[in-house]
Amino acid sequence: MTLTGVTEVMDDNGGMSSLQARLQSDLTAAMKARDETRTASLRMALAALSTEQTSGKAARELTDDDVVTVLTREVKKRREAAEAYDGAGRTEPANRERAEEAVLAEYLPAALSQDELAALVDDAVADAAASGVTGPKAMGAVMKSLQPQVKGRADGAAVAAMVKAALAAG
């Protein structure tokens, strides 16, 4: 594509990450199939991605990791909204939020099981102890080493709770 004499090279997806391109093509398919829940969920996800691309001082292209981060945030919003609706006794909107959460969760990496998460936490705590940091002071170091491994695959609050328990026990 040529813009005022400058050649811009784009990948096959028009500059989009592969996950973002998949979301866009799935939206088209959902619209053709007249699947209202999937269409609404994907539109909201793509709007959140668009906002993320243009936030900050300059527009930027999102990587698949960035897309996973945004989708994780959107899934969390849906989960929290469903809980709030349940608390208010409004089952219909809560069910709609859960359905949207399920659609978005399809695009996230597989969640870690409790056993897998516990093993990662134990390894990270052992690594921190080997470097001389123990007890509650090690919380930051352990979380920093765990974040890349659990990103998009486990709830941050649950990971923090497991780390805190492991540090208190060990």
N, C-alpha and C. Protein backbone atom coordinates (compact mmCIF):
# COMPACT_ATOMS: atom_id res chain seq x y z
N MET A 1 0.85 -1.17 0.00
CA MET A 1 0.00 0.00 0.00
C MET A 1 0.89 1.23 0.00
N THR A 2 0.66 2.16 -0.89
CA THR A 2 1.50 3.34 -0.99
C THR A 2 0.76 4.55 -0.46
N LEU A 3 1.39 5.25 0.45
CA LEU A 3 0.84 6.47 1.02
C LEU A 3 1.84 7.58 0.82
N THR A 4 1.50 8.56 0.02
CA THR A 4 2.38 9.71 -0.25
C THR A 4 3.83 9.32 -0.45
N GLY A 5 4.04 8.33 -1.30
CA GLY A 5 5.39 7.94 -1.65
C GLY A 5 6.07 7.01 -0.66
N VAL A 6 5.44 6.71 0.46
CA VAL A 6 6.02 5.83 1.45
C VAL A 6 5.34 4.47 1.32
N THR A 7 6.12 3.43 1.21
CA THR A 7 5.55 2.09 1.08
C THR A 7 5.39 1.49 2.46
N GLU A 8 4.18 1.06 2.73
CA GLU A 8 3.87 0.45 4.02
C GLU A 8 3.66 -1.04 3.78
N VAL A 9 4.36 -1.86 4.52
CA VAL A 9 4.23 -3.30 4.36
C VAL A 9 3.33 -3.84 5.45
N MET A 10 2.29 -4.57 5.04
CA MET A 10 1.37 -5.17 6.00
C MET A 10 1.43 -6.67 5.85
N ASP A 11 1.11 -7.36 6.94
CA ASP A 11 1.06 -8.81 6.85
C ASP A 11 -0.24 -9.23 6.17
N ASP A 12 -0.49 -10.52 6.07
CA ASP A 12 -1.68 -11.03 5.38
C ASP A 12 -2.97 -10.60 6.05
N ASN A 13 -2.92 -10.20 7.30
CA ASN A 13 -4.12 -9.84 8.04
C ASN A 13 -4.37 -8.34 8.05
N GLY A 14 -3.72 -7.59 7.18
CA GLY A 14 -3.92 -6.16 7.14
C GLY A 14 -3.37 -5.46 8.36
N GLY A 15 -2.33 -6.00 8.97
CA GLY A 15 -1.72 -5.36 10.13
C GLY A 15 -2.28 -5.85 11.45
N MET A 16 -3.28 -6.71 11.41
CA MET A 16 -3.88 -7.23 12.64
C MET A 16 -3.12 -8.46 13.13
N SER A 17 -3.19 -8.69 14.43
CA SER A 17 -2.63 -9.93 14.95
C SER A 17 -3.49 -11.08 14.45
N SER A 18 -2.97 -12.29 14.47
CA SER A 18 -3.73 -13.42 13.96
C SER A 18 -4.98 -13.67 14.80
N LEU A 19 -4.90 -13.46 16.11
CA LEU A 19 -6.07 -13.64 16.97
C LEU A 19 -7.12 -12.58 16.69
N GLN A 20 -6.69 -11.37 16.46
CA GLN A 20 -7.63 -10.29 16.15
C GLN A 20 -8.29 -10.55 14.80
N ALA A 21 -7.55 -11.05 13.83
CA ALA A 21 -8.11 -11.38 12.53
C ALA A 21 -9.13 -12.51 12.66
N ARG A 22 -8.84 -13.48 13.53
CA ARG A 22 -9.78 -14.58 13.78
C ARG A 22 -11.07 -14.05 14.40
N LEU A 23 -10.95 -13.14 15.34
CA LEU A 23 -12.15 -12.53 15.94
C LEU A 23 -12.99 -11.84 14.87
N GLN A 24 -12.33 -11.11 13.99
CA GLN A 24 -13.04 -10.39 12.93
C GLN A 24 -13.75 -11.35 11.98
N SER A 25 -13.08 -12.43 11.58
CA SER A 25 -13.72 -13.38 10.66
C SER A 25 -14.85 -14.14 11.35
N ASP A 26 -14.67 -14.44 12.65
CA ASP A 26 -15.73 -15.12 13.40
C ASP A 26 -16.94 -14.20 13.58
N LEU A 27 -16.70 -12.89 13.70
CA LEU A 27 -17.80 -11.94 13.78
C LEU A 27 -18.61 -11.97 12.50
N THR A 28 -17.94 -11.99 11.37
CA THR A 28 -18.62 -12.04 10.08
C THR A 28 -19.47 -13.31 9.99
N ALA A 29 -18.90 -14.43 10.40
CA ALA A 29 -19.64 -15.70 10.36
C ALA A 29 -20.83 -15.66 11.31
N ALA A 30 -20.67 -15.08 12.50
CA ALA A 30 -21.77 -15.00 13.46
C ALA A 30 -22.89 -14.11 12.93
N MET A 31 -22.52 -13.05 12.25
CA MET A 31 -23.53 -12.16 11.68
C MET A 31 -24.31 -12.88 10.59
N LYS A 32 -23.61 -13.63 9.76
CA LYS A 32 -24.30 -14.39 8.69
C LYS A 32 -25.21 -15.45 9.27
N ALA A 33 -24.79 -16.05 10.40
CA ALA A 33 -25.58 -17.10 11.04
C ALA A 33 -26.68 -16.51 11.94
N ARG A 34 -26.71 -15.20 12.07
CA ARG A 34 -27.68 -14.48 12.91
C ARG A 34 -27.62 -14.94 14.37
N ASP A 35 -26.40 -15.19 14.84
CA ASP A 35 -26.17 -15.57 16.23
C ASP A 35 -25.98 -14.28 17.03
N GLU A 36 -27.04 -13.83 17.68
CA GLU A 36 -27.02 -12.52 18.33
C GLU A 36 -26.03 -12.44 19.49
N THR A 37 -25.96 -13.47 20.31
CA THR A 37 -25.06 -13.45 21.47
C THR A 37 -23.61 -13.39 21.02
N ARG A 38 -23.25 -14.26 20.08
CA ARG A 38 -21.87 -14.29 19.57
C ARG A 38 -21.53 -12.98 18.86
N THR A 39 -22.45 -12.46 18.08
CA THR A 39 -22.22 -11.21 17.37
C THR A 39 -21.98 -10.07 18.35
N ALA A 40 -22.84 -9.95 19.36
CA ALA A 40 -22.70 -8.88 20.34
C ALA A 40 -21.39 -9.02 21.12
N SER A 41 -21.05 -10.25 21.50
CA SER A 41 -19.83 -10.49 22.28
C SER A 41 -18.59 -10.12 21.46
N LEU A 42 -18.55 -10.55 20.22
CA LEU A 42 -17.38 -10.28 19.38
C LEU A 42 -17.28 -8.80 19.04
N ARG A 43 -18.42 -8.14 18.84
CA ARG A 43 -18.38 -6.70 18.58
C ARG A 43 -17.81 -5.96 19.78
N MET A 44 -18.23 -6.34 20.99
CA MET A 44 -17.70 -5.69 22.19
C MET A 44 -16.20 -5.94 22.33
N ALA A 45 -15.77 -7.16 22.04
CA ALA A 45 -14.35 -7.50 22.14
C ALA A 45 -13.55 -6.69 21.12
N LEU A 46 -14.03 -6.60 19.90
CA LEU A 46 -13.31 -5.85 18.88
C LEU A 46 -13.30 -4.35 19.19
N ALA A 47 -14.37 -3.85 19.81
CA ALA A 47 -14.39 -2.45 20.23
C ALA A 47 -13.35 -2.20 21.32
N ALA A 48 -13.23 -3.14 22.26
CA ALA A 48 -12.23 -3.01 23.32
C ALA A 48 -10.82 -3.06 22.73
N LEU A 49 -10.62 -3.91 21.73
CA LEU A 49 -9.31 -3.99 21.06
C LEU A 49 -8.99 -2.69 20.33
N SER A 50 -10.00 -2.13 19.68
CA SER A 50 -9.82 -0.87 18.97
C SER A 50 -9.46 0.25 19.94
N THR A 51 -10.12 0.27 21.08
CA THR A 51 -9.82 1.26 22.11
C THR A 51 -8.39 1.09 22.60
N GLU A 52 -7.99 -0.15 22.82
CA GLU A 52 -6.63 -0.43 23.28
C GLU A 52 -5.59 0.02 22.24
N GLN A 53 -5.90 -0.18 20.97
CA GLN A 53 -4.97 0.21 19.91
C GLN A 53 -4.76 1.72 19.88
N THR A 54 -5.80 2.46 20.14
CA THR A 54 -5.72 3.91 20.01
C THR A 54 -5.48 4.63 21.32
N SER A 55 -5.41 3.89 22.43
CA SER A 55 -5.16 4.55 23.71
C SER A 55 -3.68 4.90 23.81
N GLY A 56 -3.39 5.88 24.61
CA GLY A 56 -2.00 6.31 24.74
C GLY A 56 -1.70 7.44 23.79
N LYS A 57 -0.42 7.73 23.65
CA LYS A 57 0.00 8.88 22.85
C LYS A 57 -0.05 8.61 21.35
N ALA A 58 0.15 7.34 20.97
CA ALA A 58 0.17 7.00 19.55
C ALA A 58 -0.53 5.67 19.33
N ALA A 59 -1.18 5.55 18.19
CA ALA A 59 -1.84 4.28 17.84
C ALA A 59 -0.78 3.21 17.64
N ARG A 60 -1.14 1.98 17.96
CA ARG A 60 -0.17 0.89 17.82
C ARG A 60 -0.90 -0.37 17.39
N GLU A 61 -0.14 -1.28 16.81
CA GLU A 61 -0.67 -2.58 16.45
C GLU A 61 -0.58 -3.50 17.66
N LEU A 62 -1.60 -4.29 17.88
CA LEU A 62 -1.62 -5.20 19.02
C LEU A 62 -1.03 -6.55 18.63
N THR A 63 -0.26 -7.13 19.53
CA THR A 63 0.24 -8.48 19.34
C THR A 63 -0.82 -9.45 19.87
N ASP A 64 -0.62 -10.74 19.64
CA ASP A 64 -1.56 -11.73 20.18
C ASP A 64 -1.58 -11.68 21.71
N ASP A 65 -0.43 -11.40 22.32
CA ASP A 65 -0.38 -11.28 23.79
C ASP A 65 -1.23 -10.11 24.26
N ASP A 66 -1.17 -8.99 23.53
CA ASP A 66 -1.99 -7.83 23.87
C ASP A 66 -3.47 -8.18 23.75
N VAL A 67 -3.82 -8.91 22.70
CA VAL A 67 -5.21 -9.30 22.47
C VAL A 67 -5.69 -10.20 23.61
N VAL A 68 -4.85 -11.15 24.03
CA VAL A 68 -5.20 -12.04 25.14
C VAL A 68 -5.42 -11.22 26.42
N THR A 69 -4.58 -10.23 26.65
CA THR A 69 -4.72 -9.38 27.83
C THR A 69 -6.07 -8.65 27.81
N VAL A 70 -6.43 -8.08 26.68
CA VAL A 70 -7.71 -7.37 26.56
C VAL A 70 -8.87 -8.33 26.72
N LEU A 71 -8.80 -9.49 26.08
CA LEU A 71 -9.89 -10.46 26.19
C LEU A 71 -10.03 -10.97 27.63
N THR A 72 -8.92 -11.16 28.32
CA THR A 72 -8.97 -11.58 29.72
C THR A 72 -9.68 -10.53 30.56
N ARG A 73 -9.37 -9.28 30.30
CA ARG A 73 -10.02 -8.18 31.02
C ARG A 73 -11.53 -8.16 30.73
N GLU A 74 -11.90 -8.39 29.48
CA GLU A 74 -13.32 -8.40 29.11
C GLU A 74 -14.06 -9.58 29.75
N VAL A 75 -13.42 -10.75 29.80
CA VAL A 75 -14.02 -11.92 30.44
C VAL A 75 -14.24 -11.64 31.92
N LYS A 76 -13.27 -11.01 32.54
CA LYS A 76 -13.40 -10.68 33.97
C LYS A 76 -14.56 -9.71 34.19
N LYS A 77 -14.71 -8.73 33.30
CA LYS A 77 -15.83 -7.78 33.41
C LYS A 77 -17.16 -8.52 33.34
N ARG A 78 -17.26 -9.47 32.40
CA ARG A 78 -18.51 -10.23 32.24
C ARG A 78 -18.81 -11.05 33.49
N ARG A 79 -17.77 -11.68 34.05
CA ARG A 79 -17.94 -12.50 35.25
C ARG A 79 -18.42 -11.64 36.42
N GLU A 80 -17.78 -10.48 36.60
CA GLU A 80 -18.16 -9.59 37.70
C GLU A 80 -19.56 -9.04 37.51
N ALA A 81 -19.93 -8.72 36.27
CA ALA A 81 -21.28 -8.21 36.01
C ALA A 81 -22.31 -9.30 36.29
N ALA A 82 -22.03 -10.53 35.91
CA ALA A 82 -22.97 -11.63 36.17
C ALA A 82 -23.16 -11.81 37.67
N GLU A 83 -22.08 -11.72 38.43
CA GLU A 83 -22.19 -11.85 39.88
C GLU A 83 -23.01 -10.71 40.47
N ALA A 84 -22.82 -9.51 39.95
CA ALA A 84 -23.60 -8.36 40.44
C ALA A 84 -25.08 -8.53 40.11
N TYR A 85 -25.38 -8.99 38.90
CA TYR A 85 -26.78 -9.23 38.53
C TYR A 85 -27.39 -10.32 39.40
N ASP A 86 -26.63 -11.38 39.67
CA ASP A 86 -27.13 -12.44 40.55
C ASP A 86 -27.44 -11.90 41.94
N GLY A 87 -26.55 -11.05 42.43
CA GLY A 87 -26.74 -10.46 43.75
C GLY A 87 -27.98 -9.60 43.82
N ALA A 88 -28.34 -9.02 42.68
CA ALA A 88 -29.54 -8.17 42.62
C ALA A 88 -30.78 -8.97 42.25
N GLY A 89 -30.61 -10.29 42.05
CA GLY A 89 -31.75 -11.13 41.71
C GLY A 89 -32.21 -11.00 40.27
N ARG A 90 -31.32 -10.56 39.39
CA ARG A 90 -31.68 -10.38 37.97
C ARG A 90 -31.01 -11.50 37.17
N THR A 91 -31.71 -12.61 37.01
CA THR A 91 -31.11 -13.79 36.38
C THR A 91 -30.94 -13.64 34.87
N GLU A 92 -31.88 -12.98 34.20
CA GLU A 92 -31.78 -12.88 32.73
C GLU A 92 -30.52 -12.12 32.30
N PRO A 93 -30.25 -10.92 32.84
CA PRO A 93 -28.99 -10.25 32.44
C PRO A 93 -27.75 -11.03 32.90
N ALA A 94 -27.83 -11.71 34.03
CA ALA A 94 -26.69 -12.51 34.51
C ALA A 94 -26.40 -13.63 33.53
N ASN A 95 -27.44 -14.28 33.04
CA ASN A 95 -27.25 -15.36 32.06
C ASN A 95 -26.67 -14.83 30.76
N ARG A 96 -27.09 -13.63 30.34
CA ARG A 96 -26.56 -13.03 29.12
C ARG A 96 -25.06 -12.74 29.29
N GLU A 97 -24.68 -12.21 30.46
CA GLU A 97 -23.27 -11.93 30.73
C GLU A 97 -22.44 -13.21 30.72
N ARG A 98 -22.99 -14.28 31.29
CA ARG A 98 -22.28 -15.56 31.30
C ARG A 98 -22.12 -16.12 29.88
N ALA A 99 -23.14 -15.93 29.06
CA ALA A 99 -23.05 -16.41 27.67
C ALA A 99 -21.97 -15.63 26.92
N GLU A 100 -21.91 -14.32 27.15
CA GLU A 100 -20.87 -13.51 26.51
C GLU A 100 -19.49 -13.92 27.02
N GLU A 101 -19.39 -14.19 28.31
CA GLU A 101 -18.12 -14.64 28.90
C GLU A 101 -17.67 -15.94 28.24
N ALA A 102 -18.60 -16.85 28.02
CA ALA A 102 -18.27 -18.14 27.41
C ALA A 102 -17.76 -17.96 25.97
N VAL A 103 -18.38 -17.04 25.23
CA VAL A 103 -17.93 -16.79 23.86
C VAL A 103 -16.51 -16.25 23.86
N LEU A 104 -16.23 -15.28 24.72
CA LEU A 104 -14.89 -14.68 24.75
C LEU A 104 -13.85 -15.65 25.27
N ALA A 105 -14.24 -16.52 26.20
CA ALA A 105 -13.30 -17.48 26.78
C ALA A 105 -12.79 -18.47 25.73
N GLU A 106 -13.54 -18.67 24.66
CA GLU A 106 -13.11 -19.56 23.58
C GLU A 106 -11.81 -19.09 22.93
N TYR A 107 -11.52 -17.81 23.03
CA TYR A 107 -10.36 -17.23 22.36
C TYR A 107 -9.15 -17.12 23.28
N LEU A 108 -9.31 -17.53 24.53
CA LEU A 108 -8.22 -17.47 25.49
C LEU A 108 -7.51 -18.82 25.56
N PRO A 109 -6.24 -18.81 25.99
CA PRO A 109 -5.54 -20.09 26.17
C PRO A 109 -6.26 -20.93 27.23
N ALA A 110 -6.05 -22.23 27.17
CA ALA A 110 -6.69 -23.13 28.13
C ALA A 110 -6.28 -22.75 29.55
N ALA A 111 -7.25 -22.76 30.45
CA ALA A 111 -6.99 -22.40 31.84
C ALA A 111 -6.13 -23.47 32.51
N LEU A 112 -5.32 -23.03 33.46
CA LEU A 112 -4.49 -23.95 34.21
C LEU A 112 -5.34 -24.67 35.26
N SER A 113 -5.08 -25.93 35.47
CA SER A 113 -5.77 -26.66 36.54
C SER A 113 -5.16 -26.22 37.87
N GLN A 114 -5.83 -26.54 38.96
CA GLN A 114 -5.31 -26.19 40.29
C GLN A 114 -3.96 -26.85 40.53
N ASP A 115 -3.81 -28.10 40.08
CA ASP A 115 -2.55 -28.81 40.28
C ASP A 115 -1.41 -28.16 39.49
N GLU A 116 -1.69 -27.80 38.23
CA GLU A 116 -0.67 -27.15 37.40
C GLU A 116 -0.26 -25.81 38.01
N LEU A 117 -1.26 -25.06 38.48
CA LEU A 117 -0.99 -23.77 39.08
C LEU A 117 -0.18 -23.93 40.37
N ALA A 118 -0.55 -24.91 41.18
CA ALA A 118 0.18 -25.16 42.43
C ALA A 118 1.63 -25.52 42.14
N ALA A 119 1.87 -26.30 41.10
CA ALA A 119 3.24 -26.69 40.74
C ALA A 119 4.04 -25.46 40.31
N LEU A 120 3.43 -24.58 39.50
CA LEU A 120 4.12 -23.36 39.07
C LEU A 120 4.44 -22.47 40.27
N VAL A 121 3.49 -22.35 41.19
CA VAL A 121 3.69 -21.52 42.39
C VAL A 121 4.83 -22.10 43.23
N ASP A 122 4.81 -23.41 43.43
CA ASP A 122 5.87 -24.05 44.23
C ASP A 122 7.25 -23.83 43.61
N ASP A 123 7.34 -23.96 42.28
CA ASP A 123 8.61 -23.74 41.59
C ASP A 123 9.08 -22.29 41.75
N ALA A 124 8.16 -21.34 41.60
CA ALA A 124 8.52 -19.93 41.72
C ALA A 124 8.95 -19.58 43.14
N VAL A 125 8.27 -20.14 44.14
CA VAL A 125 8.64 -19.91 45.53
C VAL A 125 10.02 -20.52 45.81
N ALA A 126 10.27 -21.70 45.28
CA ALA A 126 11.57 -22.35 45.47
C ALA A 126 12.68 -21.53 44.81
N ASP A 127 12.43 -20.99 43.62
CA ASP A 127 13.42 -20.16 42.94
C ASP A 127 13.72 -18.90 43.75
N ALA A 128 12.67 -18.29 44.31
CA ALA A 128 12.87 -17.08 45.12
C ALA A 128 13.67 -17.42 46.37
N ALA A 129 13.37 -18.56 46.99
CA ALA A 129 14.10 -18.97 48.19
C ALA A 129 15.57 -19.26 47.86
N ALA A 130 15.81 -19.83 46.69
CA ALA A 130 17.18 -20.13 46.27
C ALA A 130 17.98 -18.85 46.06
N SER A 131 17.30 -17.77 45.69
CA SER A 131 18.01 -16.50 45.49
C SER A 131 18.07 -15.69 46.78
N GLY A 132 17.60 -16.29 47.89
CA GLY A 132 17.76 -15.65 49.19
C GLY A 132 16.59 -14.83 49.67
N VAL A 133 15.50 -14.78 48.91
CA VAL A 133 14.33 -14.01 49.32
C VAL A 133 13.27 -14.99 49.83
N THR A 134 12.85 -14.81 51.07
CA THR A 134 11.85 -15.70 51.65
C THR A 134 10.78 -14.89 52.38
N GLY A 135 9.73 -15.58 52.77
CA GLY A 135 8.65 -14.95 53.52
C GLY A 135 7.85 -13.98 52.68
N PRO A 136 7.09 -13.11 53.33
CA PRO A 136 6.23 -12.17 52.61
C PRO A 136 7.00 -11.22 51.69
N LYS A 137 8.27 -11.00 51.98
CA LYS A 137 9.10 -10.12 51.13
C LYS A 137 9.25 -10.68 49.72
N ALA A 138 9.09 -11.97 49.57
CA ALA A 138 9.29 -12.62 48.27
C ALA A 138 8.07 -12.50 47.36
N MET A 139 6.96 -11.98 47.87
CA MET A 139 5.71 -11.92 47.10
C MET A 139 5.92 -11.26 45.73
N GLY A 140 6.55 -10.11 45.70
CA GLY A 140 6.75 -9.40 44.43
C GLY A 140 7.60 -10.19 43.45
N ALA A 141 8.69 -10.76 43.94
CA ALA A 141 9.58 -11.52 43.07
C ALA A 141 8.89 -12.76 42.51
N VAL A 142 8.13 -13.44 43.36
CA VAL A 142 7.43 -14.65 42.92
C VAL A 142 6.36 -14.30 41.90
N MET A 143 5.58 -13.27 42.17
CA MET A 143 4.52 -12.87 41.23
C MET A 143 5.12 -12.42 39.89
N LYS A 144 6.24 -11.73 39.95
CA LYS A 144 6.89 -11.27 38.73
C LYS A 144 7.32 -12.44 37.86
N SER A 145 7.84 -13.49 38.48
CA SER A 145 8.28 -14.65 37.71
C SER A 145 7.09 -15.48 37.22
N LEU A 146 5.98 -15.45 37.95
CA LEU A 146 4.80 -16.24 37.56
C LEU A 146 3.97 -15.59 36.47
N GLN A 147 3.91 -14.27 36.45
CA GLN A 147 3.02 -13.57 35.52
C GLN A 147 3.11 -14.04 34.07
N PRO A 148 4.30 -14.13 33.48
CA PRO A 148 4.35 -14.57 32.08
C PRO A 148 3.82 -15.99 31.88
N GLN A 149 3.94 -16.83 32.89
CA GLN A 149 3.52 -18.22 32.76
C GLN A 149 2.00 -18.41 32.90
N VAL A 150 1.36 -17.53 33.67
CA VAL A 150 -0.07 -17.72 33.95
C VAL A 150 -0.94 -16.69 33.24
N LYS A 151 -0.34 -15.76 32.53
CA LYS A 151 -1.09 -14.69 31.87
C LYS A 151 -2.19 -15.25 30.97
N GLY A 152 -3.41 -14.86 31.26
CA GLY A 152 -4.55 -15.31 30.47
C GLY A 152 -5.01 -16.73 30.78
N ARG A 153 -4.30 -17.42 31.67
CA ARG A 153 -4.62 -18.81 31.95
C ARG A 153 -5.08 -19.04 33.39
N ALA A 154 -4.95 -18.00 34.24
CA ALA A 154 -5.39 -18.11 35.63
C ALA A 154 -5.72 -16.72 36.15
N ASP A 155 -6.66 -16.66 37.07
CA ASP A 155 -7.07 -15.39 37.67
C ASP A 155 -5.95 -14.88 38.57
N GLY A 156 -5.57 -13.63 38.40
CA GLY A 156 -4.48 -13.04 39.15
C GLY A 156 -4.70 -13.07 40.66
N ALA A 157 -5.95 -12.85 41.09
CA ALA A 157 -6.24 -12.87 42.53
C ALA A 157 -6.04 -14.27 43.10
N ALA A 158 -6.43 -15.29 42.34
CA ALA A 158 -6.26 -16.67 42.80
C ALA A 158 -4.78 -17.02 42.87
N VAL A 159 -4.00 -16.56 41.90
CA VAL A 159 -2.56 -16.82 41.90
C VAL A 159 -1.92 -16.14 43.11
N ALA A 160 -2.30 -14.89 43.35
CA ALA A 160 -1.74 -14.15 44.49
C ALA A 160 -2.07 -14.84 45.81
N ALA A 161 -3.29 -15.33 45.94
CA ALA A 161 -3.69 -16.02 47.16
C ALA A 161 -2.86 -17.29 47.36
N MET A 162 -2.64 -18.05 46.27
CA MET A 162 -1.82 -19.27 46.37
C MET A 162 -0.38 -18.94 46.75
N VAL A 163 0.15 -17.87 46.17
CA VAL A 163 1.54 -17.48 46.46
C VAL A 163 1.64 -17.07 47.93
N LYS A 164 0.67 -16.26 48.38
CA LYS A 164 0.68 -15.80 49.77
C LYS A 164 0.63 -16.99 50.74
N ALA A 165 -0.23 -17.97 50.43
CA ALA A 165 -0.35 -19.16 51.28
C ALA A 165 0.95 -19.97 51.26
N ALA A 166 1.57 -20.09 50.08
CA ALA A 166 2.80 -20.86 49.97
C ALA A 166 3.95 -20.18 50.72
N LEU A 167 3.99 -18.86 50.64
CA LEU A 167 5.04 -18.11 51.33
C LEU A 167 4.85 -18.17 52.84
N ALA A 168 3.61 -18.14 53.30
CA ALA A 168 3.33 -18.21 54.74
C ALA A 168 3.66 -19.59 55.28
N ALA A 169 3.43 -20.63 54.46
CA ALA A 169 3.68 -22.00 54.90
C ALA A 169 5.16 -22.34 54.85
N GLY A 170 5.85 -21.75 53.89
CA GLY A 170 7.23 -22.18 53.70
C GLY A 170 8.20 -21.16 54.16
